[in-house]
Amino acid sequence: MSNNQTDTIDGNNLLKSSSLYREFQAEREEIMKHKWLESE
């Protein structure tokens, strides 16, 4: 694996473990639930 691919994988792991990213994911999930409920 090249160094660039390793950097990308490390960056993805860092992103997914960050509290800001988890907060974004939770917010997005709430929005998607609301959109689904409104569409019913």
PDB file of N, CA and C in Angstrom:
ATOM      1  N   MET A   1       0.846  -1.177   0.000  1.00  0.00           N
ATOM      2  CA  MET A   1       0.000   0.000   0.000  1.00  0.00           C
ATOM      3  C   MET A   1       0.890   1.238   0.000  1.00  0.00           C
ATOM      4  N   SER A   2       0.530   2.198  -0.811  1.00  0.00           N
ATOM      5  CA  SER A   2       1.365   3.393  -0.888  1.00  0.00           C
ATOM      6  C   SER A   2       1.146   4.264   0.334  1.00  0.00           C
ATOM      7  N   ASN A   3       2.062   5.176   0.563  1.00  0.00           N
ATOM      8  CA  ASN A   3       1.981   6.085   1.700  1.00  0.00           C
ATOM      9  C   ASN A   3       0.730   6.946   1.614  1.00  0.00           C
ATOM     10  N   ASN A   4       0.344   7.365   0.417  1.00  0.00           N
ATOM     11  CA  ASN A   4      -0.842   8.207   0.234  1.00  0.00           C
ATOM     12  C   ASN A   4      -2.102   7.464   0.654  1.00  0.00           C
ATOM     13  N   GLN A   5      -2.213   6.183   0.293  1.00  0.00           N
ATOM     14  CA  GLN A   5      -3.366   5.386   0.695  1.00  0.00           C
ATOM     15  C   GLN A   5      -3.400   5.218   2.206  1.00  0.00           C
ATOM     16  N   THR A   6      -2.263   5.038   2.831  1.00  0.00           N
ATOM     17  CA  THR A   6      -2.186   4.906   4.276  1.00  0.00           C
ATOM     18  C   THR A   6      -2.652   6.196   4.953  1.00  0.00           C
ATOM     19  N   ASP A   7      -2.215   7.345   4.424  1.00  0.00           N
ATOM     20  CA  ASP A   7      -2.650   8.631   4.967  1.00  0.00           C
ATOM     21  C   ASP A   7      -4.157   8.782   4.865  1.00  0.00           C
ATOM     22  N   THR A   8      -4.736   8.355   3.754  1.00  0.00           N
ATOM     23  CA  THR A   8      -6.176   8.462   3.559  1.00  0.00           C
ATOM     24  C   THR A   8      -6.914   7.578   4.554  1.00  0.00           C
ATOM     25  N   ILE A   9      -6.442   6.359   4.741  1.00  0.00           N
ATOM     26  CA  ILE A   9      -7.077   5.446   5.691  1.00  0.00           C
ATOM     27  C   ILE A   9      -6.974   6.012   7.108  1.00  0.00           C
ATOM     28  N   ASP A  10      -5.802   6.515   7.488  1.00  0.00           N
ATOM     29  CA  ASP A  10      -5.636   7.112   8.813  1.00  0.00           C
ATOM     30  C   ASP A  10      -6.560   8.306   8.981  1.00  0.00           C
ATOM     31  N   GLY A  11      -6.699   9.114   7.949  1.00  0.00           N
ATOM     32  CA  GLY A  11      -7.592  10.277   7.998  1.00  0.00           C
ATOM     33  C   GLY A  11      -9.035   9.856   8.158  1.00  0.00           C
ATOM     34  N   ASN A  12      -9.441   8.798   7.455  1.00  0.00           N
ATOM     35  CA  ASN A  12     -10.812   8.307   7.585  1.00  0.00           C
ATOM     36  C   ASN A  12     -11.073   7.784   8.992  1.00  0.00           C
ATOM     37  N   ASN A  13     -10.116   7.062   9.565  1.00  0.00           N
ATOM     38  CA  ASN A  13     -10.282   6.546  10.921  1.00  0.00           C
ATOM     39  C   ASN A  13     -10.368   7.685  11.923  1.00  0.00           C
ATOM     40  N   LEU A  14      -9.553   8.707  11.743  1.00  0.00           N
ATOM     41  CA  LEU A  14      -9.588   9.866  12.624  1.00  0.00           C
ATOM     42  C   LEU A  14     -10.926  10.573  12.506  1.00  0.00           C
ATOM     43  N   LEU A  15     -11.395  10.745  11.283  1.00  0.00           N
ATOM     44  CA  LEU A  15     -12.671  11.418  11.055  1.00  0.00           C
ATOM     45  C   LEU A  15     -13.803  10.658  11.730  1.00  0.00           C
ATOM     46  N   LYS A  16     -13.851   9.352  11.526  1.00  0.00           N
ATOM     47  CA  LYS A  16     -14.945   8.551  12.067  1.00  0.00           C
ATOM     48  C   LYS A  16     -14.913   8.474  13.586  1.00  0.00           C
ATOM     49  N   SER A  17     -13.746   8.675  14.196  1.00  0.00           N
ATOM     50  CA  SER A  17     -13.661   8.590  15.650  1.00  0.00           C
ATOM     51  C   SER A  17     -13.837   9.958  16.317  1.00  0.00           C
ATOM     52  N   SER A  18     -13.915  11.029  15.538  1.00  0.00           N
ATOM     53  CA  SER A  18     -14.024  12.356  16.137  1.00  0.00           C
ATOM     54  C   SER A  18     -15.435  12.594  16.658  1.00  0.00           C
ATOM     55  N   SER A  19     -15.534  13.327  17.751  1.00  0.00           N
ATOM     56  CA  SER A  19     -16.839  13.611  18.341  1.00  0.00           C
ATOM     57  C   SER A  19     -17.669  14.506  17.434  1.00  0.00           C
ATOM     58  N   LEU A  20     -17.032  15.405  16.707  1.00  0.00           N
ATOM     59  CA  LEU A  20     -17.760  16.280  15.787  1.00  0.00           C
ATOM     60  C   LEU A  20     -18.417  15.465  14.678  1.00  0.00           C
ATOM     61  N   TYR A  21     -17.703  14.486  14.158  1.00  0.00           N
ATOM     62  CA  TYR A  21     -18.262  13.642  13.103  1.00  0.00           C
ATOM     63  C   TYR A  21     -19.426  12.819  13.638  1.00  0.00           C
ATOM     64  N   ARG A  22     -19.275  12.263  14.841  1.00  0.00           N
ATOM     65  CA  ARG A  22     -20.372  11.488  15.442  1.00  0.00           C
ATOM     66  C   ARG A  22     -21.598  12.374  15.666  1.00  0.00           C
ATOM     67  N   GLU A  23     -21.373  13.611  16.091  1.00  0.00           N
ATOM     68  CA  GLU A  23     -22.475  14.549  16.288  1.00  0.00           C
ATOM     69  C   GLU A  23     -23.157  14.855  14.956  1.00  0.00           C
ATOM     70  N   PHE A  24     -22.363  15.049  13.903  1.00  0.00           N
ATOM     71  CA  PHE A  24     -22.907  15.284  12.565  1.00  0.00           C
ATOM     72  C   PHE A  24     -23.747  14.091  12.120  1.00  0.00           C
ATOM     73  N   GLN A  25     -23.245  12.885  12.337  1.00  0.00           N
ATOM     74  CA  GLN A  25     -23.978  11.683  11.933  1.00  0.00           C
ATOM     75  C   GLN A  25     -25.311  11.579  12.680  1.00  0.00           C
ATOM     76  N   ALA A  26     -25.318  11.875  13.974  1.00  0.00           N
ATOM     77  CA  ALA A  26     -26.543  11.815  14.764  1.00  0.00           C
ATOM     78  C   ALA A  26     -27.547  12.857  14.265  1.00  0.00           C
ATOM     79  N   GLU A  27     -27.071  14.048  13.978  1.00  0.00           N
ATOM     80  CA  GLU A  27     -27.937  15.105  13.456  1.00  0.00           C
ATOM     81  C   GLU A  27     -28.520  14.709  12.104  1.00  0.00           C
ATOM     82  N   ARG A  28     -27.688  14.148  11.249  1.00  0.00           N
ATOM     83  CA  ARG A  28     -28.143  13.719   9.930  1.00  0.00           C
ATOM     84  C   ARG A  28     -29.196  12.621  10.053  1.00  0.00           C
ATOM     85  N   GLU A  29     -28.982  11.706  10.982  1.00  0.00           N
ATOM     86  CA  GLU A  29     -29.947  10.630  11.191  1.00  0.00           C
ATOM     87  C   GLU A  29     -31.299  11.187  11.637  1.00  0.00           C
ATOM     88  N   GLU A  30     -31.290  12.163  12.533  1.00  0.00           N
ATOM     89  CA  GLU A  30     -32.529  12.799  12.985  1.00  0.00           C
ATOM     90  C   GLU A  30     -33.244  13.492  11.825  1.00  0.00           C
ATOM     91  N   ILE A  31     -32.490  14.166  10.983  1.00  0.00           N
ATOM     92  CA  ILE A  31     -33.073  14.848   9.830  1.00  0.00           C
ATOM     93  C   ILE A  31     -33.712  13.840   8.890  1.00  0.00           C
ATOM     94  N   MET A  32     -33.011  12.739   8.638  1.00  0.00           N
ATOM     95  CA  MET A  32     -33.547  11.720   7.732  1.00  0.00           C
ATOM     96  C   MET A  32     -34.820  11.086   8.308  1.00  0.00           C
ATOM     97  N   LYS A  33     -34.870  10.859   9.631  1.00  0.00           N
ATOM     98  CA  LYS A  33     -36.089  10.331  10.262  1.00  0.00           C
ATOM     99  C   LYS A  33     -37.238  11.303  10.077  1.00  0.00           C
ATOM    100  N   HIS A  34     -36.964  12.587  10.303  1.00  0.00           N
ATOM    101  CA  HIS A  34     -37.997  13.605  10.167  1.00  0.00           C
ATOM    102  C   HIS A  34     -38.500  13.678   8.732  1.00  0.00           C
ATOM    103  N   LYS A  35     -37.596  13.639   7.770  1.00  0.00           N
ATOM    104  CA  LYS A  35     -37.996  13.671   6.367  1.00  0.00           C
ATOM    105  C   LYS A  35     -38.858  12.466   6.027  1.00  0.00           C
ATOM    106  N   TRP A  36     -38.499  11.299   6.573  1.00  0.00           N
ATOM    107  CA  TRP A  36     -39.269  10.087   6.305  1.00  0.00           C
ATOM    108  C   TRP A  36     -40.666  10.205   6.903  1.00  0.00           C
ATOM    109  N   LEU A  37     -40.748  10.684   8.141  1.00  0.00           N
ATOM    110  CA  LEU A  37     -42.055  10.840   8.786  1.00  0.00           C
ATOM    111  C   LEU A  37     -42.939  11.820   8.030  1.00  0.00           C
ATOM    112  N   GLU A  38     -42.351  12.919   7.578  1.00  0.00           N
ATOM    113  CA  GLU A  38     -43.106  13.923   6.837  1.00  0.00           C
ATOM    114  C   GLU A  38     -43.602  13.366   5.500  1.00  0.00           C
ATOM    115  N   SER A  39     -42.882  12.435   4.927  1.00  0.00           N
ATOM    116  CA  SER A  39     -43.255  11.899   3.626  1.00  0.00           C
ATOM    117  C   SER A  39     -44.375  10.860   3.738  1.00  0.00           C
ATOM    118  N   GLU A  40     -44.595  10.347   4.940  1.00  0.00           N
ATOM    119  CA  GLU A  40     -45.629   9.326   5.114  1.00  0.00           C
ATOM    120  C   GLU A  40     -47.023   9.919   5.126  1.00  0.00           C
TER     121      GLU A  40
END
